[in-house]
N, C-alpha and C. Protein backbone atom coordinates (compact mmCIF):
# COMPACT_ATOMS: atom_id res chain seq x y z
N MET A 1 -21.56 27.52 167.52
CA MET A 1 -21.67 26.38 166.63
C MET A 1 -20.31 26.12 165.99
N ARG A 2 -19.89 24.89 166.03
CA ARG A 2 -18.64 24.50 165.37
C ARG A 2 -18.91 23.24 164.56
N THR A 3 -18.44 23.23 163.32
CA THR A 3 -18.61 22.06 162.49
C THR A 3 -17.46 21.08 162.72
N LYS A 4 -17.65 19.88 162.26
CA LYS A 4 -16.61 18.86 162.33
C LYS A 4 -15.44 19.29 161.45
N SER A 5 -14.23 19.03 161.92
CA SER A 5 -13.03 19.36 161.16
C SER A 5 -12.93 18.46 159.93
N ARG A 6 -12.59 19.07 158.80
CA ARG A 6 -12.42 18.32 157.55
C ARG A 6 -11.00 18.55 157.03
N HIS A 7 -10.59 17.69 156.11
CA HIS A 7 -9.25 17.75 155.56
C HIS A 7 -9.32 17.63 154.04
N THR A 8 -8.37 18.29 153.38
CA THR A 8 -8.26 18.19 151.93
C THR A 8 -6.80 18.39 151.54
N VAL A 9 -6.48 18.02 150.33
CA VAL A 9 -5.14 18.25 149.79
C VAL A 9 -5.28 19.27 148.68
N VAL A 10 -4.45 20.32 148.76
CA VAL A 10 -4.48 21.40 147.77
C VAL A 10 -3.18 21.36 146.98
N THR A 11 -3.30 21.40 145.66
CA THR A 11 -2.12 21.48 144.80
C THR A 11 -1.97 22.94 144.36
N ILE A 12 -0.87 23.56 144.79
CA ILE A 12 -0.64 24.97 144.44
C ILE A 12 0.09 25.04 143.10
N PRO A 13 0.18 26.24 142.49
CA PRO A 13 0.74 26.37 141.13
C PRO A 13 2.12 25.74 140.89
N ASN A 14 2.96 25.63 141.90
CA ASN A 14 4.28 25.02 141.68
C ASN A 14 4.22 23.49 141.83
N ASP A 15 3.00 22.93 141.78
CA ASP A 15 2.73 21.49 141.89
C ASP A 15 3.04 20.90 143.26
N LYS A 16 3.21 21.72 144.24
CA LYS A 16 3.40 21.24 145.60
C LYS A 16 2.03 20.91 146.18
N ARG A 17 1.93 19.78 146.87
CA ARG A 17 0.67 19.35 147.48
C ARG A 17 0.70 19.66 148.97
N LEU A 18 -0.34 20.31 149.46
CA LEU A 18 -0.42 20.72 150.86
C LEU A 18 -1.65 20.13 151.52
N GLU A 19 -1.47 19.56 152.71
CA GLU A 19 -2.60 19.05 153.48
C GLU A 19 -3.18 20.19 154.31
N VAL A 20 -4.48 20.39 154.20
CA VAL A 20 -5.15 21.50 154.84
C VAL A 20 -6.32 20.98 155.67
N SER A 21 -6.48 21.53 156.87
CA SER A 21 -7.64 21.23 157.72
C SER A 21 -8.51 22.48 157.78
N TYR A 22 -9.82 22.28 157.92
CA TYR A 22 -10.72 23.43 158.02
C TYR A 22 -11.99 23.07 158.76
N TYR A 23 -12.60 24.06 159.37
CA TYR A 23 -13.87 23.90 160.07
C TYR A 23 -14.53 25.27 160.18
N CYS A 24 -15.79 25.29 160.55
CA CYS A 24 -16.52 26.54 160.73
C CYS A 24 -16.85 26.74 162.21
N SER A 25 -16.77 27.98 162.65
CA SER A 25 -17.07 28.32 164.04
C SER A 25 -17.59 29.75 164.09
N ASP A 26 -18.56 30.00 164.97
CA ASP A 26 -19.05 31.37 165.12
C ASP A 26 -18.76 31.94 166.52
N LEU A 27 -17.81 31.34 167.23
CA LEU A 27 -17.48 31.78 168.58
C LEU A 27 -16.96 33.21 168.65
N LYS A 28 -16.22 33.65 167.67
CA LYS A 28 -15.61 34.98 167.72
C LYS A 28 -16.42 36.06 167.00
N LEU A 29 -17.58 35.68 166.47
CA LEU A 29 -18.42 36.66 165.78
C LEU A 29 -19.24 37.47 166.78
N LYS A 30 -19.63 38.64 166.36
CA LYS A 30 -20.52 39.46 167.17
C LYS A 30 -21.88 38.78 167.21
N GLU A 31 -22.61 38.97 168.28
CA GLU A 31 -23.89 38.31 168.47
C GLU A 31 -24.85 38.53 167.30
N LYS A 32 -24.89 39.74 166.76
CA LYS A 32 -25.82 40.03 165.67
C LYS A 32 -25.41 39.37 164.35
N GLU A 33 -24.16 38.96 164.23
CA GLU A 33 -23.67 38.30 163.00
C GLU A 33 -23.90 36.79 163.02
N LYS A 34 -24.03 36.21 164.21
CA LYS A 34 -24.09 34.75 164.35
C LYS A 34 -25.26 34.11 163.63
N LYS A 35 -26.33 34.85 163.43
CA LYS A 35 -27.51 34.28 162.77
C LYS A 35 -27.22 33.98 161.30
N ASP A 36 -26.49 34.85 160.63
CA ASP A 36 -26.29 34.74 159.19
C ASP A 36 -24.89 34.34 158.75
N PHE A 37 -23.89 34.44 159.62
CA PHE A 37 -22.51 34.21 159.21
C PHE A 37 -21.80 33.22 160.13
N THR A 38 -20.70 32.69 159.64
CA THR A 38 -19.80 31.85 160.40
C THR A 38 -18.38 32.13 159.91
N ASP A 39 -17.41 31.81 160.73
CA ASP A 39 -16.00 31.92 160.32
C ASP A 39 -15.53 30.59 159.80
N LEU A 40 -14.96 30.60 158.61
CA LEU A 40 -14.31 29.41 158.06
C LEU A 40 -12.85 29.50 158.49
N ILE A 41 -12.44 28.57 159.33
CA ILE A 41 -11.07 28.55 159.86
C ILE A 41 -10.28 27.54 159.02
N ILE A 42 -9.19 28.01 158.42
CA ILE A 42 -8.34 27.16 157.59
C ILE A 42 -6.99 27.02 158.29
N GLN A 43 -6.54 25.78 158.48
CA GLN A 43 -5.26 25.55 159.13
C GLN A 43 -4.31 24.86 158.16
N LEU A 44 -3.16 25.48 157.99
CA LEU A 44 -2.10 24.95 157.14
C LEU A 44 -0.82 25.04 157.94
N HIS A 45 -0.24 23.88 158.25
CA HIS A 45 0.93 23.82 159.14
C HIS A 45 0.53 24.45 160.47
N ASP A 46 1.26 25.45 160.94
CA ASP A 46 0.94 26.11 162.21
C ASP A 46 0.18 27.41 162.00
N CYS A 47 -0.25 27.69 160.79
CA CYS A 47 -0.94 28.93 160.47
C CYS A 47 -2.45 28.72 160.43
N HIS A 48 -3.17 29.72 160.92
CA HIS A 48 -4.63 29.71 160.85
C HIS A 48 -5.09 30.95 160.10
N SER A 49 -6.08 30.78 159.27
CA SER A 49 -6.67 31.90 158.56
C SER A 49 -8.17 31.81 158.77
N SER A 50 -8.82 32.96 158.83
CA SER A 50 -10.26 32.99 159.08
C SER A 50 -10.94 33.84 158.00
N ILE A 51 -12.04 33.30 157.47
CA ILE A 51 -12.82 34.01 156.45
C ILE A 51 -14.29 33.98 156.89
N LYS A 52 -14.93 35.13 156.94
CA LYS A 52 -16.34 35.17 157.30
C LYS A 52 -17.16 34.81 156.06
N ILE A 53 -18.02 33.79 156.19
CA ILE A 53 -18.87 33.36 155.07
C ILE A 53 -20.31 33.24 155.55
N SER A 54 -21.21 33.23 154.61
CA SER A 54 -22.63 33.06 154.90
C SER A 54 -22.89 31.63 155.38
N LYS A 55 -23.78 31.48 156.36
CA LYS A 55 -24.13 30.15 156.84
C LYS A 55 -24.80 29.32 155.75
N GLU A 56 -25.40 29.98 154.78
CA GLU A 56 -26.01 29.27 153.65
C GLU A 56 -24.95 28.45 152.90
N ARG A 57 -23.75 28.95 152.83
CA ARG A 57 -22.69 28.28 152.07
C ARG A 57 -22.23 26.99 152.72
N ILE A 58 -22.35 26.88 154.05
CA ILE A 58 -21.86 25.66 154.70
C ILE A 58 -22.79 24.47 154.48
N LYS A 59 -23.95 24.72 153.90
CA LYS A 59 -24.86 23.61 153.57
C LYS A 59 -24.32 22.78 152.42
N ASP A 60 -23.41 23.33 151.64
CA ASP A 60 -22.82 22.63 150.50
C ASP A 60 -21.33 22.40 150.78
N PRO A 61 -20.96 21.19 151.24
CA PRO A 61 -19.55 20.92 151.56
C PRO A 61 -18.60 21.16 150.39
N GLY A 62 -19.06 20.94 149.17
CA GLY A 62 -18.23 21.19 147.99
C GLY A 62 -17.91 22.66 147.83
N ASP A 63 -18.87 23.52 148.15
CA ASP A 63 -18.68 24.97 148.07
C ASP A 63 -17.64 25.42 149.10
N VAL A 64 -17.73 24.88 150.31
CA VAL A 64 -16.77 25.24 151.36
C VAL A 64 -15.37 24.78 150.98
N GLU A 65 -15.26 23.55 150.46
CA GLU A 65 -13.94 23.06 150.05
C GLU A 65 -13.38 23.91 148.91
N ALA A 66 -14.23 24.37 148.01
CA ALA A 66 -13.76 25.24 146.91
C ALA A 66 -13.20 26.55 147.46
N ILE A 67 -13.83 27.10 148.49
CA ILE A 67 -13.32 28.32 149.13
C ILE A 67 -11.94 28.05 149.74
N VAL A 68 -11.80 26.92 150.41
CA VAL A 68 -10.52 26.54 151.03
C VAL A 68 -9.46 26.40 149.95
N GLN A 69 -9.77 25.67 148.90
CA GLN A 69 -8.81 25.45 147.81
C GLN A 69 -8.36 26.79 147.22
N LYS A 70 -9.32 27.64 146.90
CA LYS A 70 -9.01 28.93 146.27
C LYS A 70 -8.17 29.81 147.21
N THR A 71 -8.50 29.81 148.50
CA THR A 71 -7.77 30.63 149.47
C THR A 71 -6.31 30.18 149.57
N VAL A 72 -6.08 28.88 149.67
CA VAL A 72 -4.72 28.36 149.80
C VAL A 72 -3.93 28.58 148.50
N ILE A 73 -4.57 28.35 147.36
CA ILE A 73 -3.89 28.58 146.08
C ILE A 73 -3.52 30.05 145.92
N ASN A 74 -4.44 30.94 146.22
CA ASN A 74 -4.15 32.39 146.08
C ASN A 74 -3.05 32.83 147.03
N ALA A 75 -2.95 32.20 148.20
CA ALA A 75 -1.89 32.54 149.16
C ALA A 75 -0.60 31.79 148.85
N ARG A 76 -0.64 30.97 147.81
CA ARG A 76 0.51 30.15 147.42
C ARG A 76 1.06 29.34 148.59
N GLY A 77 0.15 28.90 149.46
CA GLY A 77 0.53 28.06 150.59
C GLY A 77 1.11 28.79 151.77
N HIS A 78 1.01 30.12 151.80
CA HIS A 78 1.58 30.92 152.90
C HIS A 78 0.48 31.75 153.55
N LEU A 79 -0.35 31.13 154.37
CA LEU A 79 -1.46 31.82 155.00
C LEU A 79 -1.01 32.84 156.04
N CYS A 80 0.17 32.65 156.61
CA CYS A 80 0.62 33.53 157.71
C CYS A 80 1.43 34.73 157.24
N ASP A 81 1.67 34.89 155.98
CA ASP A 81 2.48 36.02 155.51
C ASP A 81 1.76 37.33 155.61
């Protein structure tokens, strides 16, 4: 299962604005995990980051975007470091 790709703009602490794309996919999960979890794939520039989240969370697009925002802010815009 793969969700439609979405986009958002994240403002990090130094007031820099970053365009971020994200989607959910369970292709790389173990078979027993696919029922309850999905990978949230976040793309910033040429970097990809993956976070395993509950499938319940993807029912609320605002919740998923909040995870993306928080992840990029905490990484200060450097997902590949």
